[in-house]
Protein backbone atom coordinates (compact mmCIF):
# COMPACT_ATOMS: atom_id res chain seq x y z
CA UNK A 1 -0.05 0.01 0.06
CA UNK A 2 1.26 3.36 -1.01
CA UNK A 3 1.97 5.90 1.81
CA UNK A 4 0.11 8.95 2.06
CA UNK A 5 1.56 12.50 2.42
CA UNK A 6 0.05 15.67 3.38
CA UNK A 7 1.39 19.24 2.58
CA UNK A 8 0.86 22.46 4.46
CA UNK A 9 2.54 25.34 2.64
CA UNK A 10 2.68 28.68 4.70
CA UNK A 11 3.92 32.13 3.48
CA UNK A 12 4.14 33.46 -0.04
CA UNK A 13 3.58 32.07 -3.48
CA UNK A 14 7.34 31.48 -4.04
CA UNK A 15 6.91 29.19 -1.22
CA UNK A 16 4.05 27.48 -2.74
CA UNK A 17 6.04 26.56 -5.87
CA UNK A 18 8.61 24.85 -3.56
CA UNK A 19 5.78 22.79 -1.99
CA UNK A 20 4.25 21.83 -5.42
CA UNK A 21 7.92 20.75 -6.50
CA UNK A 22 8.13 18.47 -3.42
CA UNK A 23 4.72 17.05 -3.90
CA UNK A 24 5.63 16.39 -7.56
CA UNK A 25 8.86 14.61 -6.68
CA UNK A 26 6.80 12.75 -3.85
CA UNK A 27 4.08 11.48 -6.33
CA UNK A 28 6.75 10.25 -8.53
CA UNK A 29 8.50 8.43 -6.19
CA UNK A 30 4.93 6.52 -5.47
CA UNK A 31 3.49 8.13 -2.67
CA UNK A 32 -0.11 9.26 -2.50
CA UNK A 33 -0.97 12.61 -1.92
CA UNK A 34 -3.73 13.54 0.45
CA UNK A 35 -5.22 16.67 2.01
CA UNK A 36 -6.49 15.26 5.02
CA UNK A 37 -3.81 15.33 7.61
CA UNK A 38 -5.74 12.67 9.70
CA UNK A 39 -5.38 10.23 6.77
CA UNK A 40 -1.64 10.98 6.28
CA UNK A 41 1.42 8.87 7.11
CA UNK A 42 4.03 11.67 6.64
CA UNK A 43 2.94 15.37 7.14
CA UNK A 44 5.17 18.11 5.74
CA UNK A 45 4.97 21.74 6.75
CA UNK A 46 6.45 24.09 4.45
CA UNK A 47 7.41 27.33 6.78
CA UNK A 48 7.90 30.70 6.35
CA UNK A 49 9.93 32.95 8.75
CA UNK A 50 10.18 36.32 6.92
CA UNK A 51 8.72 38.25 9.84
CA UNK A 52 7.61 37.62 13.48
CA UNK A 53 3.85 36.93 12.56
CA UNK A 54 5.24 34.13 9.86
CA UNK A 55 7.26 32.55 12.63
CA UNK A 56 4.53 32.39 14.97
CA UNK A 57 2.11 30.76 12.19
CA UNK A 58 4.88 28.19 11.53
CA UNK A 59 5.58 27.02 15.10
CA UNK A 60 1.95 27.02 15.88
CA UNK A 61 1.19 24.87 12.81
CA UNK A 62 3.89 22.50 13.64
CA UNK A 63 2.61 21.91 17.06
CA UNK A 64 -0.95 21.79 16.09
CA UNK A 65 0.30 19.05 13.58
CA UNK A 66 2.45 17.15 15.66
CA UNK A 67 -0.80 16.12 17.48
CA UNK A 68 -1.49 13.77 14.39
CA UNK A 69 1.09 11.49 15.70
CA UNK A 70 -1.17 10.70 18.31
CA UNK A 71 -4.68 11.06 17.19
CA UNK A 72 -4.04 10.18 13.46
CA UNK A 73 -1.76 7.84 11.39
CA UNK A 74 1.14 10.31 11.20
CA UNK A 75 4.49 8.33 11.35
CA UNK A 76 6.80 11.19 10.21
CA UNK A 77 6.53 14.94 10.80
CA UNK A 78 8.79 17.05 8.28
CA UNK A 79 9.47 20.83 8.44
CA UNK A 80 10.73 22.37 5.47
CA UNK A 81 11.54 25.88 4.08
CA UNK A 82 12.89 29.19 5.47
CA UNK A 83 12.03 28.38 9.37
CA UNK A 84 14.75 25.52 9.57
CA UNK A 85 16.88 27.32 7.07
CA UNK A 86 17.31 30.17 9.65
CA UNK A 87 16.89 28.59 13.01
CA UNK A 88 18.07 24.69 12.52
CA UNK A 89 20.07 24.54 15.93
CA UNK A 90 17.14 26.03 18.08
CA UNK A 91 14.32 24.19 16.36
CA UNK A 92 16.19 20.89 16.83
CA UNK A 93 16.08 21.40 20.68
CA UNK A 94 12.67 23.13 20.87
CA UNK A 95 10.65 20.72 18.46
CA UNK A 96 11.55 16.98 19.29
CA UNK A 97 8.36 16.20 17.60
CA UNK A 98 9.83 16.84 14.39
CA UNK A 99 11.36 13.93 12.84
CA UNK A 100 13.14 15.60 9.79
CA UNK A 101 14.18 19.46 9.16
CA UNK A 102 14.92 20.25 5.38
CA UNK A 103 16.39 23.87 4.37
CA UNK A 104 15.67 26.13 1.32
CA UNK A 105 18.22 24.24 -0.75
CA UNK A 106 17.60 20.63 -0.26
CA UNK A 107 13.71 20.32 -0.90
CA UNK A 108 13.96 18.56 -4.12
CA UNK A 109 15.71 15.70 -2.56
CA UNK A 110 12.49 15.43 -0.31
CA UNK A 111 11.80 11.66 -1.42
CA UNK A 112 15.47 10.59 -0.99
CA UNK A 113 15.50 12.38 2.63
CA UNK A 114 12.46 10.58 3.70
CA UNK A 115 13.81 7.20 2.43
CA UNK A 116 17.02 8.19 4.48
CA UNK A 117 14.99 8.09 7.45
CA UNK A 118 13.93 4.78 7.40
CA UNK A 119 15.24 2.74 10.49
CA UNK A 120 16.76 5.80 11.85
CA UNK A 121 15.50 6.98 15.36
CA UNK A 122 17.07 10.35 15.72
CA UNK A 123 16.17 13.63 14.29
CA UNK A 124 17.70 14.46 11.02
CA UNK A 125 18.93 17.79 9.56
CA UNK A 126 19.28 18.64 5.72
CA UNK A 127 20.52 22.39 5.70
CA UNK A 128 22.73 23.30 2.87
CA UNK A 129 23.92 26.85 1.65
CA UNK A 130 20.96 28.37 -0.05
CA UNK A 131 22.14 28.21 -3.62
CA UNK A 132 19.97 25.74 -5.40
CA UNK A 133 17.44 26.89 -8.13
CA UNK A 134 15.08 24.21 -9.67
CA UNK A 135 14.55 23.77 -13.45
CA UNK A 136 11.46 22.35 -15.65
CA UNK A 137 13.11 18.79 -15.24
CA UNK A 138 11.60 18.61 -11.80
CA UNK A 139 8.03 17.46 -11.45
CA UNK A 140 5.48 19.83 -10.11
CA UNK A 141 1.91 19.12 -8.77
CA UNK A 142 0.03 22.07 -8.75
CA UNK A 143 -2.17 22.60 -5.77
CA UNK A 144 -3.97 25.74 -7.26
CA UNK A 145 -6.82 25.69 -9.75
CA UNK A 146 -5.78 24.42 -13.12
CA UNK A 147 -6.64 27.77 -14.81
CA UNK A 148 -4.10 29.92 -12.88
CA UNK A 149 -0.41 29.22 -11.90
CA UNK A 150 2.69 31.10 -10.54
CA UNK A 151 5.88 31.06 -12.59
CA UNK A 152 8.77 31.55 -10.29
CA UNK A 153 11.57 33.06 -12.59
CA UNK A 154 14.29 33.63 -10.00
CA UNK A 155 15.28 32.64 -6.53
CA UNK A 156 17.20 34.74 -3.73
CA UNK A 157 17.81 38.51 -3.88
CA UNK A 158 20.66 40.87 -4.11
CA UNK A 159 19.04 44.04 -2.97
CA UNK A 160 20.09 43.81 0.68
CA UNK A 161 17.00 45.76 2.33
CA UNK A 162 18.44 46.46 5.96
CA UNK A 163 15.28 45.01 7.17
CA UNK A 164 15.23 41.77 5.22
CA UNK A 165 16.37 38.44 5.80
CA UNK A 166 15.77 36.94 2.59
CA UNK A 167 19.45 36.86 1.18
CA UNK A 168 20.45 34.83 4.24
CA UNK A 169 17.78 32.42 3.81
CA UNK A 170 17.42 32.12 -0.09
CA UNK A 171 20.89 33.42 -1.07
CA UNK A 172 21.89 36.07 -3.83
CA UNK A 173 19.83 36.55 -7.03
CA UNK A 174 19.71 33.45 -9.47
CA UNK A 175 17.59 33.84 -12.57
CA UNK A 176 16.30 30.71 -14.33
CA UNK A 177 17.29 30.60 -18.06
CA UNK A 178 14.65 31.80 -20.67
CA UNK A 179 14.26 28.60 -22.37
CA UNK A 180 13.94 26.77 -18.94
CA UNK A 181 10.83 29.12 -18.23
CA UNK A 182 9.35 28.87 -21.48
CA UNK A 183 9.28 25.21 -21.34
CA UNK A 184 7.58 25.17 -17.93
CA UNK A 185 5.07 27.65 -18.86
CA UNK A 186 4.01 25.95 -22.26
CA UNK A 187 3.65 22.72 -20.10
CA UNK A 188 1.38 24.65 -17.49
CA UNK A 189 -0.62 26.07 -20.50
CA UNK A 190 -0.88 22.71 -22.04
CA UNK A 191 -2.74 21.47 -18.79
CA UNK A 192 -5.22 24.28 -18.75
CA UNK A 193 -3.32 27.23 -17.24
CA UNK A 194 -4.98 30.53 -18.72
CA UNK A 195 -3.22 32.92 -16.10
CA UNK A 196 0.53 33.08 -15.48
CA UNK A 197 1.49 35.12 -12.46
CA UNK A 198 5.24 36.05 -12.77
CA UNK A 199 6.97 35.83 -9.06
CA UNK A 200 10.62 36.35 -7.48
CA UNK A 201 11.93 38.30 -4.73
CA UNK A 202 12.14 41.18 -7.63
CA UNK A 203 11.10 40.28 -10.91
CA UNK A 204 12.77 43.06 -12.44
CA UNK A 205 16.35 41.80 -11.48
CA UNK A 206 15.47 38.59 -13.70
CA UNK A 207 18.04 38.11 -16.27
CA UNK A 208 20.82 40.47 -14.64
CA UNK A 209 23.08 37.41 -13.69
CA UNK A 210 22.40 35.32 -17.11
CA UNK A 211 24.72 35.46 -20.05
CA UNK A 212 23.85 38.13 -22.31
CA UNK A 213 21.68 39.89 -19.35
CA UNK A 214 18.18 39.26 -21.01
CA UNK A 215 15.56 41.51 -19.70
CA UNK A 216 12.12 41.15 -18.21
CA UNK A 217 10.77 42.57 -21.30
CA UNK A 218 12.24 40.00 -23.65
CA UNK A 219 10.94 37.12 -21.33
CA UNK A 220 7.48 38.53 -21.39
CA UNK A 221 7.38 38.89 -25.12
CA UNK A 222 8.42 35.30 -25.43
CA UNK A 223 5.49 34.06 -23.00
CA UNK A 224 3.20 36.12 -24.82
CA UNK A 225 3.87 34.02 -27.96
CA UNK A 226 2.34 31.07 -26.30
CA UNK A 227 -0.89 29.90 -27.64
CA UNK A 228 -3.73 29.52 -25.23
CA UNK A 229 -2.27 31.69 -22.46
CA UNK A 230 -4.53 34.63 -21.70
CA UNK A 231 -3.08 36.66 -18.85
CA UNK A 232 0.30 37.51 -17.95
CA UNK A 233 0.45 39.17 -14.47
CA UNK A 234 3.59 40.83 -12.99
CA UNK A 235 3.92 40.80 -8.97
CA UNK A 236 6.98 42.05 -6.79
CA UNK A 237 8.55 44.76 -9.07
CA UNK A 238 11.12 46.74 -7.47
CA UNK A 239 10.43 50.33 -8.34
CA UNK A 240 14.10 51.29 -9.76
CA UNK A 241 13.92 48.15 -12.11
CA UNK A 242 10.81 49.49 -13.77
CA UNK A 243 12.13 50.41 -17.16
CA UNK A 244 10.25 52.68 -20.02
CA UNK A 245 10.41 49.37 -21.83
CA UNK A 246 8.65 47.44 -19.22
CA UNK A 247 5.86 50.15 -19.01
CA UNK A 248 5.59 49.95 -23.01
CA UNK A 249 4.96 46.25 -23.09
CA UNK A 250 2.43 46.29 -20.21
CA UNK A 251 0.57 49.04 -22.26
CA UNK A 252 0.76 47.45 -25.68
CA UNK A 253 0.82 43.82 -25.05
CA UNK A 254 -2.79 42.28 -24.78
CA UNK A 255 -1.71 39.34 -22.76
CA UNK A 256 -0.05 41.62 -20.13
CA UNK A 257 -2.83 42.33 -17.28
CA UNK A 258 -3.13 46.13 -16.62
CA UNK A 259 -1.85 45.61 -13.31
CA UNK A 260 1.71 46.22 -11.53
CA UNK A 261 2.87 45.23 -7.96
CA UNK A 262 5.34 47.67 -6.75
CA UNK A 263 6.50 47.41 -3.36
CA UNK A 264 7.68 50.99 -2.47
CA UNK A 265 7.57 50.35 1.42
CA UNK A 266 7.78 53.93 2.16
CA UNK A 267 7.92 57.21 0.68
CA UNK A 268 10.11 59.42 3.25
CA UNK A 269 13.51 59.77 2.17
CA UNK A 270 14.95 59.47 5.64
CA UNK A 271 13.18 56.18 6.10
CA UNK A 272 13.82 54.78 2.64
CA UNK A 273 17.60 55.61 3.24
CA UNK A 274 17.82 53.53 6.62
CA UNK A 275 15.99 50.78 4.65
CA UNK A 276 18.73 50.80 2.08
CA UNK A 277 16.19 51.34 -0.66
CA UNK A 278 17.63 52.66 -3.73
CA UNK A 279 14.64 54.71 -4.95
CA UNK A 280 14.02 58.03 -3.44
CA UNK A 281 10.78 59.88 -2.92
CA UNK A 282 10.96 62.05 -6.15
CA UNK A 283 11.91 58.89 -8.09
CA UNK A 284 8.95 56.93 -6.87
CA UNK A 285 6.65 59.97 -7.23
CA UNK A 286 7.81 60.26 -10.98
CA UNK A 287 7.51 56.52 -11.61
CA UNK A 288 4.03 56.35 -10.45
CA UNK A 289 2.88 59.59 -12.57
CA UNK A 290 4.68 58.09 -15.44
CA UNK A 291 2.98 54.65 -15.29
CA UNK A 292 -0.36 56.22 -15.02
CA UNK A 293 0.26 58.65 -17.63
CA UNK A 294 1.04 55.86 -20.06
CA UNK A 295 -1.53 53.44 -18.75
CA UNK A 296 -4.56 55.33 -17.19
CA UNK A 297 -6.45 52.40 -16.61
CA UNK A 298 -3.73 50.10 -14.65
CA UNK A 299 -4.26 48.99 -11.29
CA UNK A 300 -1.37 49.68 -9.09
CA UNK A 301 -0.50 47.63 -5.97
CA UNK A 302 1.92 48.35 -3.25
CA UNK A 303 3.51 47.17 0.02
CA UNK A 304 4.42 49.55 2.97
CA UNK A 305 6.19 49.07 6.29
CA UNK A 306 5.10 51.01 9.18
CA UNK A 307 6.99 51.41 12.35
CA UNK A 308 10.39 51.25 10.77
CA UNK A 309 13.26 52.15 13.22
CA UNK A 310 13.48 56.12 13.25
CA UNK A 311 10.15 56.62 11.69
CA UNK A 312 9.09 59.84 13.24
CA UNK A 313 5.39 61.34 13.33
CA UNK A 314 6.58 63.61 10.25
CA UNK A 315 7.95 60.60 8.25
CA UNK A 316 4.41 58.84 8.90
CA UNK A 317 2.39 61.90 8.15
CA UNK A 318 4.37 61.94 4.71
CA UNK A 319 3.35 58.51 4.10
CA UNK A 320 -0.17 58.93 4.98
CA UNK A 321 -0.58 62.06 2.78
CA UNK A 322 1.26 60.20 -0.01
CA UNK A 323 -1.24 57.36 -0.06
CA UNK A 324 -4.11 59.64 0.07
CA UNK A 325 -2.69 61.71 -2.87
CA UNK A 326 -1.65 58.63 -4.89
CA UNK A 327 -4.76 56.33 -4.24
CA UNK A 328 -3.23 53.16 -4.84
CA UNK A 329 -5.77 50.36 -6.03
CA UNK A 330 -4.35 47.65 -3.72
CA UNK A 331 -2.33 48.15 -0.85
CA UNK A 332 -0.88 46.08 1.89
CA UNK A 333 0.73 47.35 5.25
CA UNK A 334 3.16 45.66 7.49
CA UNK A 335 4.11 46.59 11.11
CA UNK A 336 8.04 46.46 10.97
CA UNK A 337 9.49 43.01 12.47
CA UNK A 338 12.70 43.46 14.26
CA UNK A 339 14.49 40.31 12.76
CA UNK A 340 17.69 39.52 14.29
CA UNK A 341 20.94 39.36 11.93
CA UNK A 342 19.66 42.19 9.91
CA UNK A 343 21.07 45.87 10.06
CA UNK A 344 17.86 47.23 10.87
CA UNK A 345 17.47 45.12 14.21
CA UNK A 346 20.72 47.00 15.60
CA UNK A 347 19.35 50.53 14.69
CA UNK A 348 18.58 53.02 17.42
CA UNK A 349 15.07 54.68 17.87
CA UNK A 350 13.12 51.45 17.60
CA UNK A 351 9.30 52.23 17.37
CA UNK A 352 6.97 50.81 20.18
CA UNK A 353 4.62 48.12 19.09
CA UNK A 354 1.79 50.32 20.15
CA UNK A 355 2.63 53.02 17.72
CA UNK A 356 3.26 50.39 14.92
CA UNK A 357 -0.10 49.10 15.46
CA UNK A 358 -1.88 52.60 15.64
CA UNK A 359 -0.06 53.66 12.51
CA UNK A 360 -0.97 50.37 10.89
CA UNK A 361 -4.86 51.06 11.63
CA UNK A 362 -4.72 54.61 10.25
CA UNK A 363 -3.32 53.60 6.84
CA UNK A 364 -5.83 50.73 6.74
CA UNK A 365 -8.52 52.97 7.36
CA UNK A 366 -7.61 55.37 4.62
CA UNK A 367 -7.12 52.74 2.30
CA UNK A 368 -10.52 51.06 2.72
CA UNK A 369 -11.93 54.31 1.82
CA UNK A 370 -9.69 55.16 -1.19
CA UNK A 371 -10.21 51.37 -2.43
CA UNK A 372 -13.87 51.87 -2.28
CA UNK A 373 -13.64 55.01 -3.98
CA UNK A 374 -11.75 53.56 -6.94
CA UNK A 375 -13.86 50.59 -7.13
CA UNK A 376 -17.02 52.76 -7.61
CA UNK A 377 -15.15 54.28 -10.52
CA UNK A 378 -15.47 50.98 -12.28
CA UNK A 379 -19.19 50.78 -12.25
CA UNK A 380 -20.83 50.71 -15.78
CA UNK A 381 -17.39 49.62 -17.20
CA UNK A 382 -16.51 46.28 -18.72
CA UNK A 383 -13.93 43.91 -17.31
CA UNK A 384 -12.38 40.57 -18.20
CA UNK A 385 -12.99 38.24 -15.57
CA UNK A 386 -11.73 34.73 -14.77
CA UNK A 387 -14.36 32.50 -13.46
CA UNK A 388 -13.33 30.61 -10.17
CA UNK A 389 -16.42 28.87 -8.97
CA UNK A 390 -19.44 29.51 -6.61
CA UNK A 391 -19.46 31.98 -4.06
CA UNK A 392 -18.51 30.90 -0.56
CA UNK A 393 -21.76 32.24 0.67
CA UNK A 394 -24.23 30.87 -1.79
CA UNK A 395 -24.32 28.44 -4.82
CA UNK A 396 -26.59 31.23 -6.35
CA UNK A 397 -23.57 33.50 -7.35
CA UNK A 398 -20.44 32.63 -9.06
CA UNK A 399 -17.12 34.40 -8.26
CA UNK A 400 -14.18 35.41 -10.08
CA UNK A 401 -11.38 37.83 -10.44
CA UNK A 402 -11.03 40.55 -12.93
CA UNK A 403 -7.53 40.94 -14.62
CA UNK A 404 -7.28 44.02 -12.19
CA UNK A 405 -7.08 41.37 -9.20
CA UNK A 406 -4.27 38.87 -8.37
CA UNK A 407 -5.11 35.60 -6.71
CA UNK A 408 -5.07 35.26 -3.10
CA UNK A 409 -4.02 38.97 -2.26
CA UNK A 410 -6.79 41.11 -3.74
CA UNK A 411 -10.48 41.06 -3.84
CA UNK A 412 -13.10 39.22 -5.84
CA UNK A 413 -15.96 39.54 -8.18
CA UNK A 414 -19.46 38.46 -7.68
CA UNK A 415 -21.29 37.47 -10.73
CA UNK A 416 -25.23 38.04 -10.33
CA UNK A 417 -26.20 37.02 -13.89
CA UNK A 418 -25.11 34.95 -16.61
CA UNK A 419 -23.36 31.53 -16.81
CA UNK A 420 -20.00 30.17 -17.16
CA UNK A 421 -17.62 27.31 -16.60
CA UNK A 422 -14.67 27.64 -13.93
CA UNK A 423 -11.56 28.92 -15.68
CA UNK A 424 -13.49 30.87 -18.46
CA UNK A 425 -12.65 34.22 -19.20
CA UNK A 426 -15.86 36.48 -19.70
CA UNK A 427 -16.71 40.02 -20.14
CA UNK A 428 -18.30 41.52 -17.17
CA UNK A 429 -20.43 44.72 -16.70
CA UNK A 430 -19.73 46.05 -13.35
CA UNK A 431 -22.95 46.76 -11.51
CA UNK A 432 -21.70 47.60 -7.98
CA UNK A 433 -18.88 47.38 -5.57
CA UNK A 434 -17.70 47.36 -1.76
CA UNK A 435 -14.61 48.36 -0.44
CA UNK A 436 -12.43 45.53 -1.95
CA UNK A 437 -14.93 43.52 -4.21
CA UNK A 438 -16.76 44.11 -7.39
CA UNK A 439 -20.21 42.93 -8.38
CA UNK A 440 -21.16 42.52 -12.03
CA UNK A 441 -23.02 40.58 -14.79
CA UNK A 442 -21.79 38.73 -17.58
CA UNK A 443 -21.99 40.30 -20.98
CA UNK A 444 -23.27 37.91 -23.55
CA UNK A 445 -21.22 37.93 -26.85
């Protein structure tokens, strides 16, 4: 009888791709995959340790699933990803329930690693230098719906922001070759994928380390040639890597969603300097103005950090005013997390948790109002929408996402009239909206 494996993947979409590669390797090695942890002989937790909240979620999940060794079939509990890569010594002592720890470079060997545990009583650790990058030769078992997929175009990061642990967890920038990416993309489309979301720590850095230094624009042009692919979405674009050429291809290539995720993190120059960000306030303002002038209909998403060391009330007011003035379509806010081993952790003038939370609430309150306002502007317009199934609230409504909404992080569209199948991309007339969601009717062809 085949052993059953269950996977829980935490954190970002980049982590999800790693989890899907592990599932592919295990399925190829004759393991049966199950989504029910109570039925699993082996449970794998793929962890995140980017900020404090992510670490807590990872630890809580590990401890919860460790109970399956007593009330379920679980014989092996495996912890993979960023948490063991960062805290291998501490975890080995504090989590004796875990049988195997695997870092960010060794996950493709997951089947081999599990086999090595047979007959071995002691806890095993496989933590190598983070210098691996997978290619299309590895099997990948997608856990997301067939019509959408993430394409991880690079691993690691060389930007070295002062608050970020990614270079120590994932290593320096390593781009996947163009042919490698195109082969994986064609395979995804051949199995039903209609939307590809490009991801990396910084997608604009893709190609800088490859022979001939190909650009992101070149990759997009080649992807757009794939028959059957309808949407290409750009996530995690570092501001100073957004070129005129990239703006032009977003503007002119029909398959590229009029959507761009630009994590600016802050707008106050003193804070940006301490963060070791390369862009300045004037440069960010000029970039956003240029993008909106060239592509008026574009949906812009950004991420911000509040409570960074030394952030004054004046710095925060500057940020708040900029958000009100710019009116981003989507916005995520994070309270600064003091991560050991980063330059920012040792900086003076650390901001209290109370002040961080207060600033977070103020920003999110403003953004809710702005998001509602921008969504109202879409009423009586038409949007392309990918149908995702029935609403969680009722089987009488279909739900989906417009090309202005990324999977998992943005709102949804509720479809009140018309019929379509899951994965269909349809024209929808927007009839109403809320703070983050849209409501509309399918426009019959």
